[in-house]
Amino acid sequence: MGNGLAQGAVTMASPKEALSPILFLIFTTDASHRIHIPVKVFQYADDIGLLYTHKDPEVAANTLKAVANNFAEIMIQKGIPLSPPKSKLMIFSNR
């Protein structure tokens, strides 16, 4: 394995592998502080969620796409490329 966490590391019984999600969180936490747009970053194990709200869904979508691309670049710089097939952009609107 070159980058990232071993699949299932969160549920493994081995203490060494159980630490890997914690180390991932510590290693990646500063990435959320490098985003200058008011986006909320949620992390659990090796999952990352970005949340941005705006009254105009198009503005929200465009902003979130830009932030996601910026975040992906930061993660690449850290040696942890994100997986595009596992990545989703969802827009929720009451319009």
C-alpha atoms as a PDB file:
ATOM      1  CA  MET A   1       0.000   0.000   0.000  1.00  0.00           C
ATOM      2  CA  GLY A   2       1.519   3.326  -1.067  1.00  0.00           C
ATOM      3  CA  ASN A   3      -0.967   5.893   0.284  1.00  0.00           C
ATOM      4  CA  GLY A   4      -4.011   6.067   2.532  1.00  0.00           C
ATOM      5  CA  LEU A   5      -5.384   3.638   5.076  1.00  0.00           C
ATOM      6  CA  ALA A   6      -5.704  -0.089   4.745  1.00  0.00           C
ATOM      7  CA  GLN A   7      -9.267  -1.016   3.809  1.00  0.00           C
ATOM      8  CA  GLY A   8     -11.149  -1.966   6.967  1.00  0.00           C
ATOM      9  CA  ALA A   9      -8.456  -0.568   9.271  1.00  0.00           C
ATOM     10  CA  VAL A  10     -11.121   1.045  11.439  1.00  0.00           C
ATOM     11  CA  THR A  11     -12.657  -2.324  12.286  1.00  0.00           C
ATOM     12  CA  MET A  12      -9.496  -4.383  12.626  1.00  0.00           C
ATOM     13  CA  ALA A  13      -8.783  -5.844  16.060  1.00  0.00           C
ATOM     14  CA  SER A  14      -5.079  -5.074  15.954  1.00  0.00           C
ATOM     15  CA  PRO A  15      -4.192  -1.974  18.053  1.00  0.00           C
ATOM     16  CA  LYS A  16      -1.591  -0.972  15.457  1.00  0.00           C
ATOM     17  CA  GLU A  17      -4.188  -0.829  12.676  1.00  0.00           C
ATOM     18  CA  ALA A  18      -6.814   0.711  14.946  1.00  0.00           C
ATOM     19  CA  LEU A  19      -4.540   3.731  15.335  1.00  0.00           C
ATOM     20  CA  SER A  20      -4.360   4.401  11.612  1.00  0.00           C
ATOM     21  CA  PRO A  21      -7.669   6.373  11.463  1.00  0.00           C
ATOM     22  CA  ILE A  22      -6.533   8.532  14.383  1.00  0.00           C
ATOM     23  CA  LEU A  23      -3.192   9.209  12.723  1.00  0.00           C
ATOM     24  CA  PHE A  24      -4.991  10.021   9.475  1.00  0.00           C
ATOM     25  CA  LEU A  25      -7.178  12.588  11.288  1.00  0.00           C
ATOM     26  CA  ILE A  26      -4.157  14.176  12.958  1.00  0.00           C
ATOM     27  CA  PHE A  27      -2.246  14.269   9.668  1.00  0.00           C
ATOM     28  CA  THR A  28      -5.105  15.811   7.679  1.00  0.00           C
ATOM     29  CA  THR A  29      -6.716  18.186  10.186  1.00  0.00           C
ATOM     30  CA  ASP A  30      -4.607  21.162   9.113  1.00  0.00           C
ATOM     31  CA  ALA A  31      -5.906  20.816   5.541  1.00  0.00           C
ATOM     32  CA  SER A  32      -9.292  22.125   6.655  1.00  0.00           C
ATOM     33  CA  HIS A  33      -7.611  25.207   8.126  1.00  0.00           C
ATOM     34  CA  ARG A  34      -6.038  26.000   4.750  1.00  0.00           C
ATOM     35  CA  ILE A  35      -9.457  26.549   3.143  1.00  0.00           C
ATOM     36  CA  HIS A  36     -10.281  30.260   3.261  1.00  0.00           C
ATOM     37  CA  ILE A  37     -13.965  30.067   2.333  1.00  0.00           C
ATOM     38  CA  PRO A  38     -16.380  29.418   5.240  1.00  0.00           C
ATOM     39  CA  VAL A  39     -16.784  25.707   4.592  1.00  0.00           C
ATOM     40  CA  LYS A  40     -17.401  23.223   7.366  1.00  0.00           C
ATOM     41  CA  VAL A  41     -15.194  20.163   7.234  1.00  0.00           C
ATOM     42  CA  PHE A  42     -16.355  16.913   8.818  1.00  0.00           C
ATOM     43  CA  GLN A  43     -14.007  13.980   9.271  1.00  0.00           C
ATOM     44  CA  TYR A  44     -14.553  10.461  10.511  1.00  0.00           C
ATOM     45  CA  ALA A  45     -11.771   7.909  10.144  1.00  0.00           C
ATOM     46  CA  ASP A  46     -10.664   8.365   6.520  1.00  0.00           C
ATOM     47  CA  ASP A  47     -13.923   9.960   5.316  1.00  0.00           C
ATOM     48  CA  ILE A  48     -14.088  13.696   4.724  1.00  0.00           C
ATOM     49  CA  GLY A  49     -17.209  15.782   4.155  1.00  0.00           C
ATOM     50  CA  LEU A  50     -17.366  19.420   3.077  1.00  0.00           C
ATOM     51  CA  LEU A  51     -20.460  21.519   3.793  1.00  0.00           C
ATOM     52  CA  TYR A  52     -21.240  24.940   2.343  1.00  0.00           C
ATOM     53  CA  THR A  53     -24.551  26.751   2.454  1.00  0.00           C
ATOM     54  CA  HIS A  54     -25.850  29.583   0.282  1.00  0.00           C
ATOM     55  CA  LYS A  55     -29.323  30.753  -0.679  1.00  0.00           C
ATOM     56  CA  ASP A  56     -28.487  30.328  -4.392  1.00  0.00           C
ATOM     57  CA  PRO A  57     -27.908  26.605  -5.192  1.00  0.00           C
ATOM     58  CA  GLU A  58     -25.756  27.449  -8.218  1.00  0.00           C
ATOM     59  CA  VAL A  59     -23.436  29.635  -6.128  1.00  0.00           C
ATOM     60  CA  ALA A  60     -23.272  26.878  -3.512  1.00  0.00           C
ATOM     61  CA  ALA A  61     -22.421  24.240  -6.133  1.00  0.00           C
ATOM     62  CA  ASN A  62     -19.735  26.347  -7.825  1.00  0.00           C
ATOM     63  CA  THR A  63     -18.170  27.338  -4.509  1.00  0.00           C
ATOM     64  CA  LEU A  64     -18.179  23.787  -3.222  1.00  0.00           C
ATOM     65  CA  LYS A  65     -16.606  22.495  -6.457  1.00  0.00           C
ATOM     66  CA  ALA A  66     -13.810  25.076  -6.160  1.00  0.00           C
ATOM     67  CA  VAL A  67     -13.237  24.243  -2.490  1.00  0.00           C
ATOM     68  CA  ALA A  68     -13.272  20.493  -3.207  1.00  0.00           C
ATOM     69  CA  ASN A  69     -10.676  20.942  -5.962  1.00  0.00           C
ATOM     70  CA  ASN A  70      -8.528  23.064  -3.636  1.00  0.00           C
ATOM     71  CA  PHE A  71      -8.884  20.492  -0.856  1.00  0.00           C
ATOM     72  CA  ALA A  72      -7.940  17.698  -3.278  1.00  0.00           C
ATOM     73  CA  GLU A  73      -4.764  19.604  -4.233  1.00  0.00           C
ATOM     74  CA  ILE A  74      -3.865  20.061  -0.561  1.00  0.00           C
ATOM     75  CA  MET A  75      -4.310  16.336   0.038  1.00  0.00           C
ATOM     76  CA  ILE A  76      -2.145  15.505  -2.995  1.00  0.00           C
ATOM     77  CA  GLN A  77       0.573  17.767  -1.563  1.00  0.00           C
ATOM     78  CA  LYS A  78       0.321  15.774   1.675  1.00  0.00           C
ATOM     79  CA  GLY A  79       0.732  12.517  -0.268  1.00  0.00           C
ATOM     80  CA  ILE A  80      -2.873  11.396   0.227  1.00  0.00           C
ATOM     81  CA  PRO A  81      -4.682  11.697  -3.103  1.00  0.00           C
ATOM     82  CA  LEU A  82      -8.461  11.523  -2.917  1.00  0.00           C
ATOM     83  CA  SER A  83     -10.384   8.885  -4.850  1.00  0.00           C
ATOM     84  CA  PRO A  84     -12.574  10.539  -7.534  1.00  0.00           C
ATOM     85  CA  PRO A  85     -14.754   7.425  -8.014  1.00  0.00           C
ATOM     86  CA  LYS A  86     -15.577   7.520  -4.278  1.00  0.00           C
ATOM     87  CA  SER A  87     -16.195  11.292  -4.241  1.00  0.00           C
ATOM     88  CA  LYS A  88     -19.669  12.817  -4.557  1.00  0.00           C
ATOM     89  CA  LEU A  89     -21.036  16.357  -4.767  1.00  0.00           C
ATOM     90  CA  MET A  90     -24.615  16.624  -3.516  1.00  0.00           C
ATOM     91  CA  ILE A  91     -26.822  19.713  -3.641  1.00  0.00           C
ATOM     92  CA  PHE A  92     -29.828  19.979  -1.336  1.00  0.00           C
ATOM     93  CA  SER A  93     -32.301  22.739  -2.071  1.00  0.00           C
ATOM     94  CA  ASN A  94     -35.907  23.623  -1.343  1.00  0.00           C
ATOM     95  CA  ARG A  95     -36.203  25.360  -4.723  1.00  0.00           C
END
